[in-house]
Amino acid sequence: MRLSSRLFAAVLAAGLQACVTQPVAAPKAVTAAPVEVRAPVTILISIDGFRPDYRSRGVTPHLDALAARGISAAMRPSFPSKTFPNHWTLVTGVRPDRNGIVSNAMEDPGLPGVKFTMAESQDPFWWNAAEPIWVTAEQAGIRSATLFWPGSEVAWGGTKPKDKKPVGGTRVEDWWPYHIEISAQQRVAGAIDWLRRPAATRPKFLTLYFDTVDTAGHTYGPDAPETTAAVAAVDATIGDLVAGLRALGQPANLVIVADHGMATTSAQRTIAIDKIADPTDYRIFESGPFASFYPVAGHEAALEKALLGRHAHFECWRKADIPARLHYGTNPRIPPYFCLAEAGWLLAKTTPTDAGGLGNHGYDNAAPEMAALFIASGPAIKPLGTLPPFDNVDVAPLLRDLLRLPAGTTLDGDDMPFRAALAK
């Protein structure tokens, strides 16, 4: 054996002897990373146009499970039972006549020649009359996020100089601009991604918005199989959200609402206003379940003679005479004359030339067809089952309780309907 080989053998033998005679050190214990104990978040979810009786169709297992673990009700929307007014009422606790969002379309004496529509709604001027819950929360240090909600893109409290971008105001920390092409699954994924953040940048209050049930109800009618399919699909989406929260270990108080219900309509139940009053006497502003009018100067008496009072399937008033139970008629954005159709009937500018959609809303908020979904479930909610109907101005006070914000002093609602269900 060569010297190098003998030397290698000696070193190897010494190493083996050391392995035999020296004790083997115990492996160091690996300390598991601490599991984060997450505080509950509050998530406000709107399913646009979801009537509470849609749950009786046997296609809503996830919503039914949440209701069984919490509370539910047939909630009365505010008048008019339209999308923008009621979404703003839900987050402000103030009725449309006071919160300024009196319809989906508006004019204001302070902005002559400008029309508010759903597509042109970014000027804070329209929204500044009532503070939304996410602004209240942000100012209290509660980080918030809105994944769609009418008004959530607006810098609340700001101003918009003519032909310039809005300046000033308050937005939530995180928000997405509304786009109908963003699917329900993408919306849920976006909310879950926000909740994956570290605690310092994780929102504690979130909103979500789903529009497909309303779209189906308008297009096919509330009783159509297509609407039932849309109900089933959005229920599955709620199931995805619940599963995502569970996978994160994120407890959440879910408050699930609708802005209004839906009534069946048809061209055969449509009334042409130009057959009731002379079009030279007025400018019609809105039409549908209700109609509103501006008189031509000097033609007020002729218009009143034709319009005011009870007609077959609709009734008309001066705005100051709209029934007090509707809490509507003092805001300067409401036109001087207002007509309301019976549920299921429509008021049109002229005789319609096509069938149009088969469902609509905007009717008397006490009509059963206008009732809106309400479900609340989570660690702060006791399982008390079905509550009596209540007005949707009470939702914002409930959200304040869940977020531990002070009760609002200028709201139109309170938390009375929920007090027995709130866990201490």
Protein backbone atom coordinates (compact mmCIF):
# COMPACT_ATOMS: atom_id res chain seq x y z
CA MET A 1 0.00 0.00 0.00
CA ARG A 2 1.33 3.38 -0.87
CA LEU A 3 1.90 5.96 1.89
CA SER A 4 -1.04 8.08 0.87
CA SER A 5 -3.34 5.06 0.96
CA ARG A 6 -2.09 4.00 4.43
CA LEU A 7 -2.60 7.57 5.70
CA PHE A 8 -6.17 7.69 4.33
CA ALA A 9 -6.97 4.33 5.98
CA ALA A 10 -5.67 5.58 9.34
CA VAL A 11 -7.73 8.74 9.18
CA LEU A 12 -10.84 6.76 8.22
CA ALA A 13 -10.34 4.33 11.12
CA ALA A 14 -9.95 7.20 13.58
CA GLY A 15 -13.15 8.78 12.30
CA LEU A 16 -15.11 5.55 12.66
CA GLN A 17 -13.78 5.10 16.20
CA ALA A 18 -14.91 8.61 17.07
CA CYS A 19 -18.39 7.76 15.80
CA VAL A 20 -18.49 4.73 18.05
CA THR A 21 -17.06 6.29 21.20
CA GLN A 22 -18.54 9.85 21.03
CA PRO A 23 -22.22 10.44 21.94
CA VAL A 24 -24.45 11.71 19.14
CA ALA A 25 -25.78 15.23 19.81
CA ALA A 26 -29.58 15.47 20.01
CA PRO A 27 -31.15 17.49 17.19
CA LYS A 28 -32.20 20.99 18.13
CA ALA A 29 -35.93 21.42 18.63
CA VAL A 30 -37.62 23.41 15.88
CA THR A 31 -39.96 26.06 17.29
CA ALA A 32 -43.18 26.31 15.30
CA ALA A 33 -44.16 29.78 14.12
CA PRO A 34 -46.94 31.14 16.34
CA VAL A 35 -50.41 30.88 14.80
CA GLU A 36 -51.91 34.33 14.43
CA VAL A 37 -55.10 34.87 16.35
CA ARG A 38 -57.09 37.15 14.06
CA ALA A 39 -59.63 39.64 15.34
CA PRO A 40 -63.01 39.51 13.55
CA VAL A 41 -63.54 41.74 10.55
CA THR A 42 -66.88 43.13 9.36
CA ILE A 43 -67.92 42.53 5.75
CA LEU A 44 -70.95 44.29 4.27
CA ILE A 45 -72.24 42.48 1.17
CA SER A 46 -74.88 43.75 -1.24
CA ILE A 47 -76.69 41.34 -3.56
CA ASP A 48 -78.50 43.85 -5.76
CA GLY A 49 -82.18 43.08 -6.36
CA PHE A 50 -82.34 40.00 -4.11
CA ARG A 51 -85.85 39.53 -2.71
CA PRO A 52 -85.96 37.63 0.60
CA ASP A 53 -88.42 35.10 -0.81
CA TYR A 54 -85.80 33.99 -3.35
CA ARG A 55 -84.41 31.90 -0.51
CA SER A 56 -87.55 29.73 -0.64
CA ARG A 57 -86.53 28.33 -4.06
CA GLY A 58 -84.20 25.72 -2.58
CA VAL A 59 -81.02 26.99 -4.26
CA THR A 60 -79.41 29.00 -1.43
CA PRO A 61 -77.75 26.53 0.99
CA HIS A 62 -74.92 28.91 1.93
CA LEU A 63 -77.16 31.89 2.65
CA ASP A 64 -79.56 29.62 4.53
CA ALA A 65 -76.70 28.27 6.68
CA LEU A 66 -75.58 31.80 7.56
CA ALA A 67 -79.16 32.78 8.44
CA ALA A 68 -79.48 29.70 10.64
CA ARG A 69 -76.33 30.71 12.54
CA GLY A 70 -77.44 34.33 12.89
CA ILE A 71 -80.43 36.51 12.03
CA SER A 72 -82.45 37.29 8.91
CA ALA A 73 -85.40 39.46 7.90
CA ALA A 74 -87.43 40.86 5.04
CA MET A 75 -86.05 44.40 5.14
CA ARG A 76 -87.95 47.46 3.90
CA PRO A 77 -85.94 49.60 1.48
CA SER A 78 -86.16 53.36 1.58
CA PHE A 79 -88.21 55.20 -1.00
CA PRO A 80 -87.63 55.30 -3.87
CA SER A 81 -86.72 51.61 -4.06
CA LYS A 82 -83.86 52.27 -6.48
CA THR A 83 -80.22 51.17 -6.46
CA PHE A 84 -78.21 54.32 -5.71
CA PRO A 85 -80.57 55.83 -3.10
CA ASN A 86 -80.74 52.61 -1.10
CA HIS A 87 -77.07 51.74 -1.26
CA TRP A 88 -76.30 55.21 0.09
CA THR A 89 -78.94 54.83 2.80
CA LEU A 90 -77.49 51.47 3.87
CA VAL A 91 -74.05 52.99 4.53
CA THR A 92 -75.17 56.36 5.92
CA GLY A 93 -78.27 55.49 7.97
CA VAL A 94 -79.97 58.53 6.39
CA ARG A 95 -82.96 58.36 4.04
CA PRO A 96 -82.63 59.55 0.41
CA ASP A 97 -84.58 62.76 1.02
CA ARG A 98 -81.81 63.80 3.44
CA ASN A 99 -78.74 61.98 2.13
CA GLY A 100 -79.06 63.69 -1.25
CA ILE A 101 -79.08 60.61 -3.48
CA VAL A 102 -82.78 60.86 -4.27
CA SER A 103 -82.76 58.71 -7.41
CA ASN A 104 -80.50 57.03 -9.94
CA ALA A 105 -80.74 60.21 -12.01
CA MET A 106 -80.86 63.76 -10.60
CA GLU A 107 -80.52 67.44 -11.31
CA ASP A 108 -79.60 70.07 -8.75
CA PRO A 109 -80.27 73.82 -8.77
CA GLY A 110 -76.68 74.30 -7.59
CA LEU A 111 -75.28 72.67 -10.76
CA PRO A 112 -77.45 73.97 -13.60
CA GLY A 113 -77.20 72.00 -16.80
CA VAL A 114 -75.52 69.00 -15.12
CA LYS A 115 -77.24 65.65 -14.72
CA PHE A 116 -76.22 62.98 -12.20
CA THR A 117 -76.36 59.49 -13.67
CA MET A 118 -74.84 56.17 -12.68
CA ALA A 119 -72.16 56.70 -15.32
CA GLU A 120 -71.40 60.29 -14.25
CA SER A 121 -71.30 60.15 -10.47
CA GLN A 122 -67.77 61.03 -9.38
CA ASP A 123 -68.36 64.61 -8.23
CA PRO A 124 -68.43 64.71 -4.40
CA PHE A 125 -71.05 67.47 -4.68
CA TRP A 126 -73.75 64.83 -5.10
CA TRP A 127 -72.68 62.72 -2.12
CA ASN A 128 -71.53 65.15 0.58
CA ALA A 129 -74.84 65.50 2.46
CA ALA A 130 -74.36 62.31 4.50
CA GLU A 131 -71.17 60.59 5.69
CA PRO A 132 -70.74 56.93 4.70
CA ILE A 133 -69.68 54.35 7.27
CA TRP A 134 -66.25 53.81 5.67
CA VAL A 135 -65.35 57.49 6.15
CA THR A 136 -66.48 57.30 9.78
CA ALA A 137 -64.38 54.16 10.21
CA GLU A 138 -61.27 55.58 8.52
CA GLN A 139 -61.44 58.71 10.65
CA ALA A 140 -61.59 56.46 13.73
CA GLY A 141 -58.46 54.58 12.60
CA ILE A 142 -60.35 51.52 11.29
CA ARG A 143 -58.79 50.59 7.97
CA SER A 144 -61.47 49.97 5.36
CA ALA A 145 -61.76 48.64 1.82
CA THR A 146 -64.55 48.73 -0.75
CA LEU A 147 -64.74 46.23 -3.56
CA PHE A 148 -67.57 48.06 -5.28
CA TRP A 149 -70.35 50.02 -3.64
CA PRO A 150 -72.19 52.99 -5.16
CA GLY A 151 -70.39 56.11 -3.96
CA SER A 152 -67.27 54.34 -2.73
CA GLU A 153 -65.09 55.71 -5.55
CA VAL A 154 -65.85 59.28 -4.51
CA ALA A 155 -63.52 61.34 -2.33
CA TRP A 156 -66.22 62.14 0.19
CA GLY A 157 -66.18 65.71 1.46
CA GLY A 158 -64.07 66.92 -1.44
CA THR A 159 -64.88 69.32 -4.26
CA LYS A 160 -64.65 69.17 -8.02
CA PRO A 161 -63.65 72.37 -9.79
CA LYS A 162 -65.21 72.72 -13.23
CA ASP A 163 -63.48 70.57 -15.86
CA LYS A 164 -60.92 69.33 -13.31
CA LYS A 165 -60.44 66.27 -11.16
CA PRO A 166 -61.94 66.24 -7.64
CA VAL A 167 -59.71 67.59 -4.88
CA GLY A 168 -59.65 66.90 -1.15
CA GLY A 169 -62.04 64.58 0.61
CA THR A 170 -61.65 61.11 2.12
CA ARG A 171 -61.52 57.73 0.42
CA VAL A 172 -61.02 54.32 1.94
CA GLU A 173 -57.47 52.97 2.01
CA ASP A 174 -58.28 50.35 -0.63
CA TRP A 175 -60.95 50.48 -3.32
CA TRP A 176 -61.67 49.15 -6.78
CA PRO A 177 -63.43 51.25 -9.44
CA TYR A 178 -66.61 49.50 -10.47
CA HIS A 179 -66.56 47.41 -13.63
CA ILE A 180 -69.36 45.00 -14.47
CA GLU A 181 -66.95 42.65 -16.28
CA ILE A 182 -65.11 41.79 -13.06
CA SER A 183 -66.65 38.44 -12.15
CA ALA A 184 -68.09 37.49 -8.79
CA GLN A 185 -65.21 35.05 -8.28
CA GLN A 186 -62.66 37.80 -8.94
CA ARG A 187 -64.43 40.07 -6.45
CA VAL A 188 -64.26 37.43 -3.72
CA ALA A 189 -60.62 36.71 -4.56
CA GLY A 190 -59.82 40.41 -4.26
CA ALA A 191 -61.39 40.63 -0.82
CA ILE A 192 -59.56 37.50 0.38
CA ASP A 193 -56.27 38.91 -0.94
CA TRP A 194 -56.80 42.06 1.13
CA LEU A 195 -57.32 39.87 4.20
CA ARG A 196 -54.07 37.97 3.57
CA ARG A 197 -52.10 41.10 4.39
CA PRO A 198 -50.19 41.64 7.63
CA ALA A 199 -52.34 42.95 10.45
CA ALA A 200 -51.03 46.51 10.07
CA THR A 201 -52.40 46.90 6.52
CA ARG A 202 -55.30 44.45 6.66
CA PRO A 203 -58.76 46.04 6.39
CA LYS A 204 -61.10 45.58 9.32
CA PHE A 205 -64.18 46.68 7.38
CA LEU A 206 -64.91 45.66 3.80
CA THR A 207 -67.74 45.95 1.31
CA LEU A 208 -68.62 43.64 -1.57
CA TYR A 209 -71.24 44.11 -4.29
CA PHE A 210 -72.87 41.59 -6.67
CA ASP A 211 -75.17 42.69 -9.51
CA THR A 212 -76.20 39.55 -11.42
CA VAL A 213 -79.46 38.81 -9.57
CA ASP A 214 -80.72 42.33 -10.30
CA THR A 215 -79.72 42.04 -13.96
CA ALA A 216 -81.55 38.73 -14.34
CA GLY A 217 -84.63 40.07 -12.55
CA HIS A 218 -84.82 43.07 -14.88
CA THR A 219 -84.25 41.05 -18.03
CA TYR A 220 -86.29 37.91 -17.40
CA GLY A 221 -88.57 38.85 -14.49
CA PRO A 222 -88.31 37.80 -10.84
CA ASP A 223 -90.10 34.46 -11.37
CA ALA A 224 -88.02 33.28 -14.32
CA PRO A 225 -85.71 30.23 -14.15
CA GLU A 226 -82.84 32.47 -15.28
CA THR A 227 -83.30 34.59 -12.15
CA THR A 228 -83.35 31.47 -9.97
CA ALA A 229 -80.09 30.39 -11.66
CA ALA A 230 -78.56 33.79 -10.85
CA VAL A 231 -79.67 33.37 -7.22
CA ALA A 232 -78.00 29.95 -7.08
CA ALA A 233 -74.80 31.30 -8.60
CA VAL A 234 -74.46 34.19 -6.15
CA ASP A 235 -75.17 31.79 -3.28
CA ALA A 236 -72.25 29.65 -4.46
CA THR A 237 -70.11 32.81 -4.48
CA ILE A 238 -71.05 33.47 -0.86
CA GLY A 239 -69.96 29.89 -0.17
CA ASP A 240 -66.60 30.65 -1.79
CA LEU A 241 -66.18 33.69 0.45
CA VAL A 242 -66.99 31.71 3.59
CA ALA A 243 -64.54 28.97 2.54
CA GLY A 244 -61.83 31.54 1.86
CA LEU A 245 -62.30 33.11 5.27
CA ARG A 246 -62.16 29.69 6.92
CA ALA A 247 -58.93 28.81 5.10
CA LEU A 248 -57.36 32.05 6.38
CA GLY A 249 -58.58 31.45 9.91
CA GLN A 250 -60.30 34.82 9.62
CA PRO A 251 -63.44 35.26 11.73
CA ALA A 252 -65.92 37.68 10.18
CA ASN A 253 -69.24 39.29 10.92
CA LEU A 254 -71.09 39.13 7.60
CA VAL A 255 -73.95 41.56 6.98
CA ILE A 256 -75.65 40.57 3.72
CA VAL A 257 -78.25 42.95 2.28
CA ALA A 258 -80.14 43.87 -0.86
CA ASP A 259 -81.05 47.37 -1.92
CA HIS A 260 -84.57 46.48 -3.08
CA GLY A 261 -86.69 43.68 -4.50
CA MET A 262 -88.20 43.22 -7.95
CA ALA A 263 -91.71 43.25 -9.44
CA THR A 264 -92.92 41.59 -12.64
CA THR A 265 -93.66 44.14 -15.39
CA SER A 266 -94.86 44.04 -18.99
CA ALA A 267 -95.60 46.32 -21.92
CA GLN A 268 -99.29 45.55 -21.39
CA ARG A 269 -99.15 47.26 -17.99
CA THR A 270 -97.51 50.45 -19.25
CA ILE A 271 -99.19 53.88 -19.20
CA ALA A 272 -98.13 56.55 -21.71
CA ILE A 273 -97.86 59.91 -19.94
CA ASP A 274 -98.36 61.84 -23.16
CA LYS A 275 -101.88 60.39 -23.26
CA ILE A 276 -102.56 61.82 -19.77
CA ALA A 277 -101.01 65.31 -20.02
CA ASP A 278 -100.05 67.58 -22.90
CA PRO A 279 -96.28 67.27 -23.53
CA THR A 280 -96.12 71.02 -24.21
CA ASP A 281 -96.90 71.58 -20.50
CA TYR A 282 -93.95 69.69 -19.01
CA ARG A 283 -90.46 68.22 -19.29
CA ILE A 284 -90.47 64.65 -18.07
CA PHE A 285 -87.30 63.85 -16.12
CA GLU A 286 -87.66 60.20 -15.15
CA SER A 287 -90.11 57.46 -16.03
CA GLY A 288 -90.68 53.84 -15.08
CA PRO A 289 -92.19 52.74 -11.75
CA PHE A 290 -92.40 56.46 -11.02
CA ALA A 291 -92.27 59.57 -13.16
CA SER A 292 -91.12 63.08 -12.31
CA PHE A 293 -91.78 66.34 -14.12
CA TYR A 294 -90.67 69.94 -14.48
CA PRO A 295 -93.46 72.24 -15.64
CA VAL A 296 -93.04 74.58 -18.57
CA ALA A 297 -93.17 78.12 -17.16
CA GLY A 298 -96.73 79.41 -17.20
CA HIS A 299 -98.20 75.93 -17.80
CA GLU A 300 -98.36 74.82 -14.16
CA ALA A 301 -102.16 75.06 -13.89
CA ALA A 302 -102.74 72.98 -17.03
CA LEU A 303 -100.25 70.35 -15.90
CA GLU A 304 -101.77 70.11 -12.42
CA LYS A 305 -105.27 69.75 -13.84
CA ALA A 306 -104.17 66.79 -15.97
CA LEU A 307 -101.81 65.09 -13.51
CA LEU A 308 -102.71 65.59 -9.89
CA GLY A 309 -104.72 63.01 -8.02
CA ARG A 310 -105.57 59.36 -8.37
CA HIS A 311 -105.63 57.69 -11.79
CA ALA A 312 -106.08 54.08 -12.81
CA HIS A 313 -102.93 52.31 -11.53
CA PHE A 314 -100.98 55.44 -10.52
CA GLU A 315 -101.19 58.61 -8.44
CA CYS A 316 -99.58 62.06 -8.83
CA TRP A 317 -98.68 64.83 -6.35
CA ARG A 318 -96.88 68.11 -6.02
CA LYS A 319 -93.61 67.15 -4.38
CA ALA A 320 -94.66 68.82 -1.11
CA ASP A 321 -97.76 66.59 -1.01
CA ILE A 322 -96.07 63.23 -1.46
CA PRO A 323 -97.38 61.01 1.40
CA ALA A 324 -95.40 61.55 4.60
CA ARG A 325 -94.90 57.80 5.11
CA LEU A 326 -92.56 57.80 2.08
CA HIS A 327 -90.22 60.35 3.76
CA TYR A 328 -89.70 61.96 0.37
CA GLY A 329 -90.33 65.34 -1.16
CA THR A 330 -88.29 68.05 0.57
CA ASN A 331 -84.97 67.69 -1.24
CA PRO A 332 -84.34 70.31 -3.98
CA ARG A 333 -83.18 67.53 -6.31
CA ILE A 334 -86.70 66.08 -6.50
CA PRO A 335 -88.66 67.60 -9.42
CA PRO A 336 -91.79 69.62 -8.61
CA TYR A 337 -94.29 66.95 -9.72
CA PHE A 338 -94.15 63.24 -8.99
CA CYS A 339 -96.26 60.23 -10.02
CA LEU A 340 -96.03 56.70 -8.57
CA ALA A 341 -97.37 53.59 -10.29
CA GLU A 342 -98.83 50.53 -8.61
CA ALA A 343 -96.33 47.69 -8.26
CA GLY A 344 -96.03 45.93 -11.60
CA TRP A 345 -97.17 48.93 -13.66
CA LEU A 346 -94.93 51.36 -15.54
CA LEU A 347 -95.17 55.01 -16.52
CA ALA A 348 -93.59 55.78 -19.91
CA LYS A 349 -93.00 59.01 -21.80
CA THR A 350 -94.87 57.59 -24.80
CA THR A 351 -96.41 54.27 -25.77
CA PRO A 352 -93.57 51.70 -25.79
CA THR A 353 -92.59 50.17 -29.11
CA ASP A 354 -90.96 47.03 -27.67
CA ALA A 355 -91.56 44.68 -24.75
CA GLY A 356 -88.51 45.84 -22.79
CA GLY A 357 -87.48 44.06 -19.61
CA LEU A 358 -89.80 41.90 -17.54
CA GLY A 359 -88.93 43.20 -14.06
CA ASN A 360 -88.47 46.54 -12.32
CA HIS A 361 -88.25 48.31 -8.97
CA GLY A 362 -88.72 51.83 -7.62
CA TYR A 363 -92.24 51.27 -6.30
CA ASP A 364 -93.74 52.00 -2.89
CA ASN A 365 -91.21 50.66 -0.39
CA ALA A 366 -94.03 48.95 1.54
CA ALA A 367 -94.97 46.78 -1.47
CA PRO A 368 -94.11 43.11 -0.73
CA GLU A 369 -92.31 42.83 -4.07
CA MET A 370 -89.86 45.55 -2.98
CA ALA A 371 -88.74 43.78 0.22
CA ALA A 372 -84.96 43.26 0.42
CA LEU A 373 -82.74 40.49 1.74
CA PHE A 374 -81.09 40.85 5.15
CA ILE A 375 -78.84 38.28 6.86
CA ALA A 376 -76.24 38.85 9.59
CA SER A 377 -74.00 36.12 10.94
CA GLY A 378 -70.71 35.93 12.80
CA PRO A 379 -69.10 35.90 16.24
CA ALA A 380 -70.88 39.11 17.30
CA ILE A 381 -74.34 37.85 16.25
CA LYS A 382 -76.46 35.45 18.31
CA PRO A 383 -78.50 32.86 16.38
CA LEU A 384 -81.94 34.35 17.00
CA GLY A 385 -83.49 33.41 13.64
CA THR A 386 -86.00 35.52 11.73
CA LEU A 387 -86.59 39.09 12.91
CA PRO A 388 -89.66 41.24 12.20
CA PRO A 389 -89.31 43.54 9.16
CA PHE A 390 -87.40 46.78 9.74
CA ASP A 391 -86.30 49.82 7.71
CA ASN A 392 -82.92 49.72 6.01
CA VAL A 393 -81.83 52.93 7.78
CA ASP A 394 -81.14 50.61 10.74
CA VAL A 395 -78.27 48.78 8.98
CA ALA A 396 -75.71 51.58 9.41
CA PRO A 397 -76.28 51.67 13.21
CA LEU A 398 -75.71 47.89 13.28
CA LEU A 399 -72.43 48.33 11.39
CA ARG A 400 -71.38 50.98 13.91
CA ASP A 401 -71.99 48.49 16.71
CA LEU A 402 -69.95 45.79 14.99
CA LEU A 403 -67.08 48.23 14.37
CA ARG A 404 -67.38 49.66 17.91
CA LEU A 405 -68.05 53.15 16.59
CA PRO A 406 -70.17 55.64 18.54
CA ALA A 407 -73.85 55.72 17.72
CA GLY A 408 -74.60 58.41 15.15
CA THR A 409 -76.55 61.40 16.41
CA THR A 410 -78.02 62.52 13.08
CA LEU A 411 -79.14 59.18 11.62
CA ASP A 412 -82.69 58.25 10.67
CA GLY A 413 -82.34 54.71 12.08
CA ASP A 414 -81.04 52.94 15.17
CA ASP A 415 -79.92 49.46 16.24
CA MET A 416 -83.17 48.57 18.06
CA PRO A 417 -84.04 45.63 15.75
CA PHE A 418 -80.71 43.91 16.53
CA ARG A 419 -80.01 44.62 20.19
CA ALA A 420 -81.15 41.22 21.44
CA ALA A 421 -78.96 39.52 18.82
CA LEU A 422 -75.75 41.39 19.55
CA ALA A 423 -73.28 39.35 21.58
CA LYS A 424 -71.69 41.29 24.44
